[in-house]
Protein backbone atom coordinates (compact mmCIF):
# COMPACT_ATOMS: atom_id res chain seq x y z
CA MET A 1 7.83 8.20 -6.81
CA ARG A 2 4.41 6.33 -7.99
CA ILE A 3 2.10 4.58 -5.46
CA LEU A 4 -0.50 2.26 -5.65
CA ILE A 5 -2.76 2.94 -2.99
CA VAL A 6 -4.82 -0.60 -2.17
CA ASP A 7 -8.34 -0.99 -0.43
CA ASP A 8 -11.54 -2.42 -0.79
CA GLU A 9 -13.27 0.85 1.00
CA PRO A 10 -14.30 3.78 -2.08
CA LEU A 11 -13.99 6.72 0.52
CA ILE A 12 -10.58 5.40 1.94
CA ARG A 13 -8.98 4.83 -1.58
CA LEU A 14 -10.21 8.50 -3.02
CA GLY A 15 -8.93 10.07 0.47
CA LEU A 16 -5.94 8.47 0.51
CA MET A 17 -5.37 9.37 -3.11
CA SER A 18 -5.94 12.88 -3.09
CA LEU A 19 -3.70 13.11 0.16
CA VAL A 20 -0.71 11.09 -1.25
CA GLU A 21 -1.09 13.64 -4.41
CA GLU A 22 -1.41 16.60 -2.13
CA TRP A 23 2.01 15.48 -0.72
CA GLY A 24 3.77 15.39 -4.71
CA TYR A 25 3.29 11.83 -5.41
CA GLU A 26 1.73 9.95 -8.55
CA ALA A 27 -0.82 7.89 -7.31
CA ASP A 28 -3.23 5.26 -9.05
CA MET A 29 -5.70 2.86 -6.79
CA ALA A 30 -7.12 -0.68 -6.79
CA ALA A 31 -10.27 -1.79 -5.02
CA ASP A 32 -8.50 -5.77 -4.04
CA ALA A 33 -5.47 -7.59 -5.18
CA LYS A 34 -6.63 -8.85 -8.49
CA SER A 35 -6.75 -5.54 -9.70
CA ALA A 36 -3.74 -3.96 -7.91
CA ILE A 37 -1.76 -7.38 -9.70
CA ALA A 38 -3.36 -6.05 -13.35
CA LEU A 39 -1.82 -2.30 -12.81
CA MET A 40 1.09 -3.54 -11.32
CA GLU A 41 1.79 -5.49 -14.45
CA GLN A 42 1.14 -2.51 -16.88
CA GLU A 43 2.93 0.02 -15.01
CA ARG A 44 5.67 0.55 -12.39
CA PHE A 45 5.16 1.92 -8.95
CA ASP A 46 7.24 2.14 -6.48
CA LEU A 47 5.14 1.78 -3.01
CA ILE A 48 1.95 0.00 -2.34
CA ILE A 49 -0.31 0.98 0.43
CA THR A 50 -2.38 -1.81 0.71
CA ASP A 51 -5.50 -2.72 3.15
CA VAL A 52 -5.33 -6.13 4.72
CA ASP A 53 -8.82 -7.19 4.94
CA MET A 54 -9.73 -7.14 1.27
CA PRO A 55 -12.22 -10.04 -0.18
CA GLY A 56 -10.27 -12.78 -2.30
CA MET A 57 -6.46 -12.23 -1.57
CA ASP A 58 -5.66 -10.28 1.59
CA GLY A 59 -3.41 -7.57 1.17
CA ILE A 60 -0.57 -9.49 3.27
CA ALA A 61 -0.89 -12.10 0.75
CA LEU A 62 -0.67 -9.17 -1.86
CA ALA A 63 2.47 -7.87 -0.32
CA HIS A 64 4.41 -11.07 -0.54
CA TYR A 65 3.43 -11.45 -3.90
CA ALA A 66 4.37 -7.80 -5.11
CA ALA A 67 7.56 -8.18 -3.32
CA SER A 68 8.92 -11.02 -4.77
CA THR A 69 7.72 -10.19 -8.23
CA TRP A 70 8.34 -6.50 -8.74
CA PRO A 71 11.40 -5.77 -6.33
CA PRO A 72 12.37 -3.57 -4.81
CA ILE A 73 8.95 -1.89 -4.57
CA ARG A 74 7.98 -0.96 -1.16
CA ILE A 75 5.30 -1.73 0.67
CA ILE A 76 2.95 -0.20 3.78
CA VAL A 77 -0.06 -2.68 5.25
CA VAL A 78 -2.91 -0.97 7.05
CA SER A 79 -5.62 -2.09 8.80
CA GLY A 80 -8.13 -1.14 11.28
CA LYS A 81 -8.87 -4.31 12.57
CA ILE A 82 -6.19 -6.15 13.29
CA THR A 83 -2.78 -5.43 14.45
CA VAL A 84 0.17 -7.35 12.12
CA ASP A 85 3.58 -8.86 13.28
CA ALA A 86 5.99 -7.55 11.25
CA ALA A 87 7.75 -11.38 10.79
CA SER A 88 4.14 -12.01 8.72
CA LEU A 89 5.13 -9.41 5.97
CA PRO A 90 7.50 -9.31 3.60
CA ASP A 91 11.40 -7.89 4.82
CA GLY A 92 11.38 -4.09 4.21
CA ALA A 93 7.60 -3.71 4.84
CA ARG A 94 6.02 -1.48 7.01
CA PHE A 95 2.81 -2.14 9.07
CA LEU A 96 0.21 0.88 10.10
CA ALA A 97 -2.61 0.81 12.54
CA LYS A 98 -5.90 2.87 10.82
CA PRO A 99 -6.76 5.42 11.27
CA CYS A 100 -3.50 6.84 11.33
CA SER A 101 -2.93 10.80 11.40
CA ASP A 102 -2.08 12.32 8.08
CA THR A 103 1.94 13.20 9.52
CA ILE A 104 2.40 9.22 10.49
CA LEU A 105 1.63 8.23 6.60
CA ASN A 106 3.65 10.88 5.66
CA ALA A 107 6.88 10.19 7.41
CA ALA A 108 6.37 6.36 6.48
CA ILE A 109 6.23 7.67 2.68
CA ALA A 110 8.78 9.70 3.24
CA GLU A 111 11.06 6.50 4.89
CA MET A 112 9.85 4.57 2.01
CA ARG A 113 11.43 6.85 -0.72
CA PRO A 114 13.57 5.30 -3.48
CA THR A 115 17.23 5.99 -2.66
């Protein structure tokens, strides 16, 4: 499974990428939604893990754009600053509050595996 990590905080991006690669997934990263979209136009991803609070397009808007442009991409939206109502996310997307444990993140990713 290929995962795209989108977060404007470099340490969070690198940490998440290292973690998901340890779990056996292929991963790439982007610092913002614009860069993420450029990557998704070039490569296929099965899952996006995106922060909500980013400059420019936020993670919720990115989630909707990705879901409508590249179905059946799966999406996990994370935020440490706000709580996101599931109704504001695309169908099938999941919200996780930061910080979340490695166990919770790993389980969320496993649930999102393509069938």
